[in-house]
């Protein structure tokens, strides 16, 4: 690998580490402000709304200048969001600013790999980036929980800067100040990302053209027999994963008696399970056999519902690892299939933009439904059952849709009808 790749990987790690730690600090800040419980999942909604609204535009922005500069600017926007939290802007609004930076950061971090590395190294490079991201989720969640814990928070609040009144007076504010340092470290690495020498002139700056082009790509992927299955499953995965973060925090408090700090470690355990499942999938599942993992999604829904019977921490840890392993084992092949179909149909850049758009709509919908459950005071146990049933039902529908697609494809073959390009692509895979 070129040296610049490791600089990109370090920048991604520290930026993602800070993103995940900041979510925990923002939750603690909401609790200090005595805000209603439904605002906790609404934090995630405020973060991802930019991914949906700006999806047609952020790819073009990332291509308009060297991607290292894009990553530096958008990382700076995350620091602005943290600063707004510290000067008492409402956490939902300030976290939305951080989400705006993250939405523009995403296509740059993936797009630069195709500029920097030869094609035969892209799979390995993406694997390293995804592995780094999983590590940052685990460590970032743990970091956020540690920073708001009484021991560390007391030490941070006892630290005074000579002749400067920072105005930081609560554990969440102290945690946010430390998290800002992680963003600064990421920015330093962004600064040293090499210019790849690619021409960054935009083909068309008209936003209406970009929106029409994006809508066409989105429609193309949903009409593809394999693309629609993989896109549906990854959308469900990310929506379910984001919702599970908040379900686990509330469940750990009610069923296990854990405070926010310890509940965050339980969230990290789920990420460990995802890493285990992802490694197993990479070893044992080929791209051609990727659709064979769909029933694992049904198993995930069933295991989630088992949370209502768990009252002991060791069993809870085992269950969280099992849920994560199921998720990782079925989403990695689906993600690989989606990237393959996207590359064939429209190119990698457009495919990533469409994937981000749909997956974050999934997050908005599922986290929004959970926020509504919290607002009407539905018990966490009822929410878990509904959540598990939803995942199970959606996976059953996806499997039935796949079988219908297969039957239609076989019928076309039997009667000798010339397939459309979409049908032909499906048959070849």
Protein backbone atom coordinates (compact mmCIF):
# COMPACT_ATOMS: atom_id res chain seq x y z
CA UNK A 1 0.00 0.00 0.00
CA UNK A 2 1.11 3.57 -0.65
CA UNK A 3 2.00 5.63 2.42
CA UNK A 4 -0.91 7.98 1.73
CA UNK A 5 -3.37 5.13 2.33
CA UNK A 6 -2.25 4.77 5.94
CA UNK A 7 -2.70 8.52 6.42
CA UNK A 8 -6.27 8.22 5.12
CA UNK A 9 -6.92 5.26 7.42
CA UNK A 10 -5.63 7.17 10.48
CA UNK A 11 -7.75 10.22 9.61
CA UNK A 12 -10.85 8.02 9.21
CA UNK A 13 -10.19 6.25 12.53
CA UNK A 14 -9.91 9.41 14.64
CA UNK A 15 -12.83 11.14 12.94
CA UNK A 16 -15.12 8.11 13.37
CA UNK A 17 -13.86 7.60 16.95
CA UNK A 18 -14.93 11.15 17.78
CA UNK A 19 -18.32 10.74 16.03
CA UNK A 20 -19.20 7.73 18.19
CA UNK A 21 -17.89 9.21 21.43
CA UNK A 22 -19.79 12.43 20.75
CA UNK A 23 -23.11 10.58 20.52
CA UNK A 24 -22.67 9.32 24.09
CA UNK A 25 -21.66 12.77 25.34
CA UNK A 26 -24.65 14.34 23.58
CA UNK A 27 -27.00 11.80 25.21
CA UNK A 28 -25.53 12.68 28.62
CA UNK A 29 -25.96 16.39 27.82
CA UNK A 30 -29.64 15.86 27.01
CA UNK A 31 -30.10 14.08 30.33
CA UNK A 32 -28.41 16.93 32.19
CA UNK A 33 -30.85 19.31 30.50
CA UNK A 34 -33.76 17.07 31.63
CA UNK A 35 -35.05 16.84 28.06
CA UNK A 36 -37.81 14.29 27.30
CA UNK A 37 -36.67 10.72 26.57
CA UNK A 38 -37.75 10.79 22.91
CA UNK A 39 -35.03 13.34 22.16
CA UNK A 40 -32.33 10.70 22.74
CA UNK A 41 -33.11 8.72 19.54
CA UNK A 42 -33.92 12.03 17.82
CA UNK A 43 -30.20 12.84 18.15
CA UNK A 44 -29.40 10.16 15.59
CA UNK A 45 -32.12 11.51 13.29
CA UNK A 46 -30.66 15.01 13.43
CA UNK A 47 -27.23 13.55 12.56
CA UNK A 48 -28.29 11.52 9.51
CA UNK A 49 -30.83 13.92 7.97
CA UNK A 50 -28.02 15.61 6.01
CA UNK A 51 -27.07 12.26 4.46
CA UNK A 52 -30.58 12.07 2.98
CA UNK A 53 -31.22 15.69 2.03
CA UNK A 54 -27.78 16.33 0.52
CA UNK A 55 -27.22 12.90 -1.05
CA UNK A 56 -27.48 14.17 -4.67
CA UNK A 57 -24.96 16.97 -4.01
CA UNK A 58 -22.24 15.73 -1.63
CA UNK A 59 -20.67 13.43 -4.23
CA UNK A 60 -20.25 16.33 -6.65
CA UNK A 61 -18.83 18.47 -3.84
CA UNK A 62 -16.31 15.75 -2.97
CA UNK A 63 -15.21 15.65 -6.63
CA UNK A 64 -14.86 19.45 -6.89
CA UNK A 65 -11.46 19.66 -5.13
CA UNK A 66 -8.70 17.38 -3.79
CA UNK A 67 -10.40 14.93 -1.45
CA UNK A 68 -7.88 15.45 1.35
CA UNK A 69 -8.99 19.10 1.42
CA UNK A 70 -12.65 18.04 1.43
CA UNK A 71 -11.98 15.79 4.43
CA UNK A 72 -10.14 18.61 6.21
CA UNK A 73 -12.96 21.13 5.65
CA UNK A 74 -15.75 18.75 6.65
CA UNK A 75 -13.81 17.62 9.72
CA UNK A 76 -13.57 21.28 10.67
CA UNK A 77 -17.35 21.50 10.40
CA UNK A 78 -17.60 18.73 13.00
CA UNK A 79 -15.44 20.81 15.35
CA UNK A 80 -17.83 23.73 14.80
CA UNK A 81 -20.72 21.46 15.85
CA UNK A 82 -18.89 20.53 19.07
CA UNK A 83 -18.21 24.20 19.80
CA UNK A 84 -21.89 25.01 19.34
CA UNK A 85 -22.74 22.37 21.96
CA UNK A 86 -20.29 23.96 24.39
CA UNK A 87 -21.82 27.44 23.93
CA UNK A 88 -25.26 26.03 24.87
CA UNK A 89 -26.87 25.59 21.45
CA UNK A 90 -29.41 22.79 21.76
CA UNK A 91 -27.70 19.38 21.25
CA UNK A 92 -30.13 18.37 18.48
CA UNK A 93 -29.17 21.41 16.40
CA UNK A 94 -25.44 21.22 17.16
CA UNK A 95 -25.32 17.49 16.42
CA UNK A 96 -27.04 18.16 13.09
CA UNK A 97 -24.09 20.41 12.17
CA UNK A 98 -21.73 17.51 12.96
CA UNK A 99 -23.91 15.30 10.75
CA UNK A 100 -23.62 17.82 7.93
CA UNK A 101 -19.85 17.50 8.09
CA UNK A 102 -20.08 13.69 8.22
CA UNK A 103 -22.38 13.55 5.17
CA UNK A 104 -19.88 15.48 3.05
CA UNK A 105 -16.91 13.55 4.53
CA UNK A 106 -18.21 10.10 3.53
CA UNK A 107 -17.92 10.20 -0.30
CA UNK A 108 -14.48 11.81 -0.05
CA UNK A 109 -13.03 9.09 2.20
CA UNK A 110 -14.17 6.31 -0.17
CA UNK A 111 -13.63 8.20 -3.42
CA UNK A 112 -9.98 8.98 -2.73
CA UNK A 113 -9.18 5.26 -2.58
CA UNK A 114 -10.00 4.87 -6.28
CA UNK A 115 -7.74 7.85 -7.08
CA UNK A 116 -4.81 6.73 -4.94
CA UNK A 117 -4.72 2.94 -5.38
CA UNK A 118 -4.70 0.55 -8.36
CA UNK A 119 -7.89 -1.52 -8.88
CA UNK A 120 -6.39 -4.78 -7.58
CA UNK A 121 -5.82 -3.19 -4.14
CA UNK A 122 -9.30 -1.69 -3.71
CA UNK A 123 -10.93 -4.72 -2.05
CA UNK A 124 -8.14 -4.98 0.52
CA UNK A 125 -8.21 -1.20 1.07
CA UNK A 126 -11.97 -1.19 1.66
CA UNK A 127 -11.56 -4.08 4.07
CA UNK A 128 -9.02 -2.10 6.07
CA UNK A 129 -11.23 1.00 6.08
CA UNK A 130 -14.26 -1.02 7.25
CA UNK A 131 -12.16 -2.77 9.92
CA UNK A 132 -10.88 0.59 11.12
CA UNK A 133 -14.45 1.91 11.24
CA UNK A 134 -15.65 -1.04 13.36
CA UNK A 135 -12.71 -0.53 15.73
CA UNK A 136 -13.54 3.17 16.00
CA UNK A 137 -17.18 2.36 16.82
CA UNK A 138 -16.17 0.00 19.64
CA UNK A 139 -13.46 2.28 21.05
CA UNK A 140 -15.41 5.51 20.44
CA UNK A 141 -18.46 4.21 22.30
CA UNK A 142 -16.24 3.06 25.15
CA UNK A 143 -14.40 6.41 25.14
CA UNK A 144 -17.66 8.34 25.38
CA UNK A 145 -18.84 6.19 28.27
CA UNK A 146 -15.51 6.56 30.07
CA UNK A 147 -15.38 10.34 29.66
CA UNK A 148 -18.82 10.86 31.23
CA UNK A 149 -18.04 8.46 34.10
CA UNK A 150 -17.68 10.12 37.53
CA UNK A 151 -13.96 9.36 38.04
CA UNK A 152 -12.71 10.66 34.70
CA UNK A 153 -15.21 13.54 34.60
CA UNK A 154 -14.12 14.74 38.05
CA UNK A 155 -10.49 14.75 36.92
CA UNK A 156 -11.30 16.64 33.73
CA UNK A 157 -13.39 19.26 35.53
CA UNK A 158 -10.58 19.74 38.06
CA UNK A 159 -8.18 20.74 35.28
CA UNK A 160 -7.90 24.54 34.90
CA UNK A 161 -6.21 26.37 32.05
CA UNK A 162 -4.17 29.33 33.32
CA UNK A 163 -5.83 32.74 32.76
CA UNK A 164 -8.62 31.17 30.64
CA UNK A 165 -12.19 30.56 31.74
CA UNK A 166 -13.44 27.78 29.47
CA UNK A 167 -16.98 27.82 30.88
CA UNK A 168 -16.92 24.01 31.01
CA UNK A 169 -18.73 22.96 34.18
CA UNK A 170 -20.43 19.58 33.59
CA UNK A 171 -19.17 16.05 32.74
CA UNK A 172 -20.75 16.05 29.24
CA UNK A 173 -19.14 19.40 28.41
CA UNK A 174 -15.74 18.13 29.62
CA UNK A 175 -16.20 15.01 27.46
CA UNK A 176 -17.04 17.11 24.39
CA UNK A 177 -13.90 19.21 24.90
CA UNK A 178 -11.75 16.05 24.87
CA UNK A 179 -13.61 14.67 21.84
CA UNK A 180 -12.78 17.87 19.96
CA UNK A 181 -9.10 16.93 20.33
CA UNK A 182 -9.79 13.68 18.45
CA UNK A 183 -11.27 15.73 15.59
CA UNK A 184 -8.19 17.96 15.65
CA UNK A 185 -5.93 14.88 15.40
CA UNK A 186 -8.01 13.69 12.43
CA UNK A 187 -7.60 17.12 10.84
CA UNK A 188 -3.81 16.88 11.18
CA UNK A 189 -3.86 13.60 9.26
CA UNK A 190 -6.25 15.16 6.70
CA UNK A 191 -3.68 17.90 6.11
CA UNK A 192 -1.03 15.33 5.13
CA UNK A 193 -3.22 13.31 2.75
CA UNK A 194 -1.43 13.55 -0.63
CA UNK A 195 -2.92 15.23 -3.66
CA UNK A 196 -3.50 12.40 -6.16
CA UNK A 197 -3.19 14.71 -9.17
CA UNK A 198 -6.67 13.91 -10.47
CA UNK A 199 -8.48 16.66 -12.40
CA UNK A 200 -11.26 17.90 -10.09
CA UNK A 201 -13.24 20.01 -12.53
CA UNK A 202 -16.96 19.22 -12.22
CA UNK A 203 -18.74 18.09 -15.39
CA UNK A 204 -21.93 19.91 -14.41
CA UNK A 205 -22.51 22.25 -11.44
CA UNK A 206 -26.28 22.57 -12.00
CA UNK A 207 -27.97 21.17 -8.84
CA UNK A 208 -31.11 20.23 -10.79
CA UNK A 209 -29.03 18.15 -13.18
CA UNK A 210 -27.30 16.46 -10.24
CA UNK A 211 -30.66 15.69 -8.60
CA UNK A 212 -32.09 14.21 -11.83
CA UNK A 213 -28.98 12.12 -12.36
CA UNK A 214 -29.11 10.88 -8.77
CA UNK A 215 -32.82 9.98 -9.08
CA UNK A 216 -32.04 7.98 -12.24
CA UNK A 217 -29.25 6.05 -10.49
CA UNK A 218 -31.48 5.36 -7.49
CA UNK A 219 -34.24 4.03 -9.74
CA UNK A 220 -31.77 1.93 -11.72
CA UNK A 221 -30.44 0.15 -8.63
CA UNK A 222 -33.91 -0.51 -7.19
CA UNK A 223 -35.08 -2.02 -10.52
CA UNK A 224 -32.11 -4.37 -10.72
CA UNK A 225 -33.10 -7.85 -9.51
CA UNK A 226 -29.97 -8.28 -7.40
CA UNK A 227 -29.45 -4.62 -6.57
CA UNK A 228 -32.91 -4.27 -4.98
CA UNK A 229 -32.34 -7.28 -2.69
CA UNK A 230 -28.92 -6.16 -1.50
CA UNK A 231 -30.03 -2.53 -1.13
CA UNK A 232 -33.11 -3.55 0.87
CA UNK A 233 -31.06 -5.68 3.28
CA UNK A 234 -28.30 -3.10 3.86
CA UNK A 235 -30.95 -0.40 4.38
CA UNK A 236 -32.66 -2.61 6.96
CA UNK A 237 -29.33 -3.42 8.62
CA UNK A 238 -28.27 0.19 9.13
CA UNK A 239 -31.73 1.24 10.27
CA UNK A 240 -31.89 -1.66 12.72
CA UNK A 241 -28.33 -1.08 13.93
CA UNK A 242 -28.92 2.60 14.66
CA UNK A 243 -32.16 1.84 16.50
CA UNK A 244 -30.55 -0.97 18.47
CA UNK A 245 -28.05 1.51 19.96
CA UNK A 246 -30.85 3.31 21.81
CA UNK A 247 -32.85 0.18 22.58
CA UNK A 248 -29.79 -1.37 24.25
CA UNK A 249 -29.17 1.72 26.41
CA UNK A 250 -32.73 1.72 27.73
CA UNK A 251 -32.90 -2.07 28.07
CA UNK A 252 -29.57 -2.20 29.93
CA UNK A 253 -30.93 0.37 32.39
CA UNK A 254 -34.27 -1.39 32.99
CA UNK A 255 -33.31 -5.07 32.77
CA UNK A 256 -29.69 -5.03 33.99
CA UNK A 257 -29.65 -1.95 36.22
CA UNK A 258 -26.71 -0.36 34.35
CA UNK A 259 -26.08 3.38 34.17
CA UNK A 260 -25.33 5.20 30.90
CA UNK A 261 -21.58 4.65 31.23
CA UNK A 262 -21.87 0.85 31.57
CA UNK A 263 -24.68 0.62 29.00
CA UNK A 264 -22.34 2.11 26.39
CA UNK A 265 -19.99 -0.83 26.90
CA UNK A 266 -22.89 -3.14 26.04
CA UNK A 267 -23.28 -1.23 22.75
CA UNK A 268 -19.59 -1.84 22.10
CA UNK A 269 -20.10 -5.58 22.62
CA UNK A 270 -22.59 -5.59 19.71
CA UNK A 271 -19.88 -4.07 17.50
CA UNK A 272 -17.47 -6.84 18.54
CA UNK A 273 -20.09 -9.35 17.38
CA UNK A 274 -20.42 -7.52 14.07
CA UNK A 275 -16.66 -7.80 13.57
CA UNK A 276 -16.78 -11.56 14.30
CA UNK A 277 -19.64 -12.06 11.85
CA UNK A 278 -17.93 -9.95 9.19
CA UNK A 279 -14.69 -11.96 9.46
CA UNK A 280 -16.62 -15.23 9.20
CA UNK A 281 -18.54 -13.98 6.16
CA UNK A 282 -15.36 -12.81 4.43
CA UNK A 283 -13.85 -16.28 4.93
CA UNK A 284 -16.78 -18.55 4.14
CA UNK A 285 -19.17 -16.62 1.83
CA UNK A 286 -18.39 -15.89 -1.82
CA UNK A 287 -20.00 -13.16 -3.89
CA UNK A 288 -21.84 -15.81 -5.93
CA UNK A 289 -23.25 -17.36 -2.74
CA UNK A 290 -24.02 -14.05 -1.02
CA UNK A 291 -27.81 -14.39 -1.25
CA UNK A 292 -27.63 -17.63 0.74
CA UNK A 293 -27.10 -15.62 3.96
CA UNK A 294 -30.56 -13.96 3.86
CA UNK A 295 -32.07 -16.37 6.46
CA UNK A 296 -29.48 -15.13 8.97
CA UNK A 297 -31.43 -11.86 9.04
CA UNK A 298 -34.49 -13.78 10.27
CA UNK A 299 -32.35 -15.35 13.01
CA UNK A 300 -31.23 -11.87 14.05
CA UNK A 301 -34.85 -10.77 14.54
CA UNK A 302 -35.57 -13.83 16.69
CA UNK A 303 -32.47 -13.33 18.85
CA UNK A 304 -33.33 -9.66 19.41
CA UNK A 305 -36.72 -10.68 20.86
CA UNK A 306 -34.83 -12.92 23.29
CA UNK A 307 -33.56 -9.77 25.03
CA UNK A 308 -36.83 -9.53 27.02
CA UNK A 309 -35.95 -12.73 28.93
CA UNK A 310 -32.40 -11.72 29.91
CA UNK A 311 -31.69 -10.28 33.37
CA UNK A 312 -28.01 -11.15 33.97
CA UNK A 313 -25.03 -9.29 32.51
CA UNK A 314 -23.00 -12.36 31.33
CA UNK A 315 -25.98 -13.73 29.38
CA UNK A 316 -26.66 -10.23 28.03
CA UNK A 317 -23.08 -10.00 26.73
CA UNK A 318 -23.47 -13.36 24.97
CA UNK A 319 -26.75 -12.22 23.42
CA UNK A 320 -25.26 -8.91 22.21
CA UNK A 321 -22.36 -10.76 20.56
CA UNK A 322 -24.83 -13.16 18.89
CA UNK A 323 -26.95 -10.28 17.54
CA UNK A 324 -23.87 -8.50 16.22
CA UNK A 325 -22.45 -11.68 14.67
CA UNK A 326 -25.71 -12.36 12.80
CA UNK A 327 -25.77 -8.77 11.56
CA UNK A 328 -22.14 -8.81 10.41
CA UNK A 329 -22.45 -12.22 8.74
CA UNK A 330 -25.38 -11.23 6.56
CA UNK A 331 -24.58 -7.58 5.84
CA UNK A 332 -21.01 -8.03 4.57
CA UNK A 333 -21.96 -10.28 1.61
CA UNK A 334 -24.96 -8.06 0.89
CA UNK A 335 -22.74 -4.97 0.90
CA UNK A 336 -20.26 -6.65 -1.44
CA UNK A 337 -23.08 -7.64 -3.81
CA UNK A 338 -24.48 -4.10 -3.71
CA UNK A 339 -21.09 -2.56 -4.51
CA UNK A 340 -20.66 -5.03 -7.39
CA UNK A 341 -24.07 -4.28 -8.92
CA UNK A 342 -23.60 -0.55 -8.40
CA UNK A 343 -20.23 -0.63 -10.14
CA UNK A 344 -21.70 -2.56 -13.09
CA UNK A 345 -24.77 -0.36 -13.46
CA UNK A 346 -23.54 3.18 -12.73
CA UNK A 347 -20.02 3.38 -11.34
CA UNK A 348 -18.71 3.32 -7.78
CA UNK A 349 -19.21 7.00 -6.91
CA UNK A 350 -22.89 7.14 -7.82
CA UNK A 351 -23.45 3.76 -6.19
CA UNK A 352 -22.03 4.97 -2.84
CA UNK A 353 -24.25 8.06 -2.96
CA UNK A 354 -27.37 5.94 -3.62
CA UNK A 355 -26.40 3.48 -0.91
CA UNK A 356 -25.86 6.27 1.66
CA UNK A 357 -29.19 7.85 0.71
CA UNK A 358 -31.25 4.70 1.16
CA UNK A 359 -29.47 3.44 4.26
CA UNK A 360 -29.90 6.73 6.04
CA UNK A 361 -33.58 6.85 5.11
CA UNK A 362 -33.75 3.47 6.85
CA UNK A 363 -32.12 5.01 9.92
CA UNK A 364 -34.49 7.98 9.92
CA UNK A 365 -37.57 5.77 9.61
CA UNK A 366 -36.64 3.13 12.18
CA UNK A 367 -35.15 5.51 14.75
CA UNK A 368 -38.16 7.80 14.21
CA UNK A 369 -40.54 4.92 14.92
CA UNK A 370 -38.62 4.12 18.11
CA UNK A 371 -38.71 7.78 19.17
CA UNK A 372 -42.49 7.71 18.68
CA UNK A 373 -42.72 4.59 20.88
CA UNK A 374 -40.73 6.34 23.60
CA UNK A 375 -42.90 9.46 23.34
CA UNK A 376 -46.10 7.45 23.95
CA UNK A 377 -44.42 5.73 26.93
CA UNK A 378 -44.33 2.26 25.39
CA UNK A 379 -42.24 -0.05 27.57
CA UNK A 380 -38.78 -1.02 26.33
CA UNK A 381 -39.82 -4.69 26.37
CA UNK A 382 -42.75 -4.01 24.03
CA UNK A 383 -40.43 -1.96 21.80
CA UNK A 384 -37.96 -4.88 21.65
CA UNK A 385 -40.68 -7.32 20.58
CA UNK A 386 -41.98 -4.93 17.91
CA UNK A 387 -38.43 -4.22 16.74
CA UNK A 388 -37.58 -7.93 16.45
CA UNK A 389 -40.84 -8.71 14.65
CA UNK A 390 -40.23 -5.85 12.22
CA UNK A 391 -36.75 -7.14 11.32
CA UNK A 392 -38.06 -10.69 10.98
CA UNK A 393 -41.02 -9.65 8.80
CA UNK A 394 -38.90 -7.46 6.52
CA UNK A 395 -36.39 -10.26 5.98
CA UNK A 396 -39.19 -12.70 5.13
CA UNK A 397 -40.51 -10.21 2.56
CA UNK A 398 -37.03 -9.76 1.08
CA UNK A 399 -36.58 -13.54 0.75
CA UNK A 400 -40.00 -13.89 -0.91
CA UNK A 401 -39.14 -11.06 -3.30
CA UNK A 402 -35.87 -12.78 -4.21
CA UNK A 403 -37.69 -16.04 -4.93
CA UNK A 404 -40.17 -14.18 -7.13
CA UNK A 405 -37.30 -12.59 -9.04
CA UNK A 406 -35.70 -15.99 -9.54
CA UNK A 407 -38.98 -17.47 -10.81
CA UNK A 408 -39.46 -14.61 -13.30
CA UNK A 409 -35.88 -14.94 -14.47
CA UNK A 410 -36.30 -18.70 -15.02
CA UNK A 411 -39.57 -18.10 -16.90
CA UNK A 412 -37.86 -15.63 -19.25
CA UNK A 413 -35.14 -18.17 -19.90
CA UNK A 414 -37.60 -20.99 -20.61
CA UNK A 415 -39.70 -19.04 -23.13
CA UNK A 416 -36.59 -17.65 -24.81
CA UNK A 417 -37.43 -13.99 -24.20
CA UNK A 418 -34.47 -11.67 -24.57
CA UNK A 419 -33.75 -10.24 -21.12
CA UNK A 420 -33.32 -6.57 -20.37
CA UNK A 421 -29.84 -5.43 -19.32
CA UNK A 422 -31.01 -5.59 -15.71
CA UNK A 423 -32.29 -9.15 -16.15
CA UNK A 424 -29.13 -10.15 -17.97
CA UNK A 425 -26.95 -8.76 -15.21
CA UNK A 426 -28.98 -10.69 -12.65
CA UNK A 427 -28.54 -13.97 -14.55
CA UNK A 428 -24.82 -13.52 -14.86
CA UNK A 429 -24.50 -13.25 -11.09
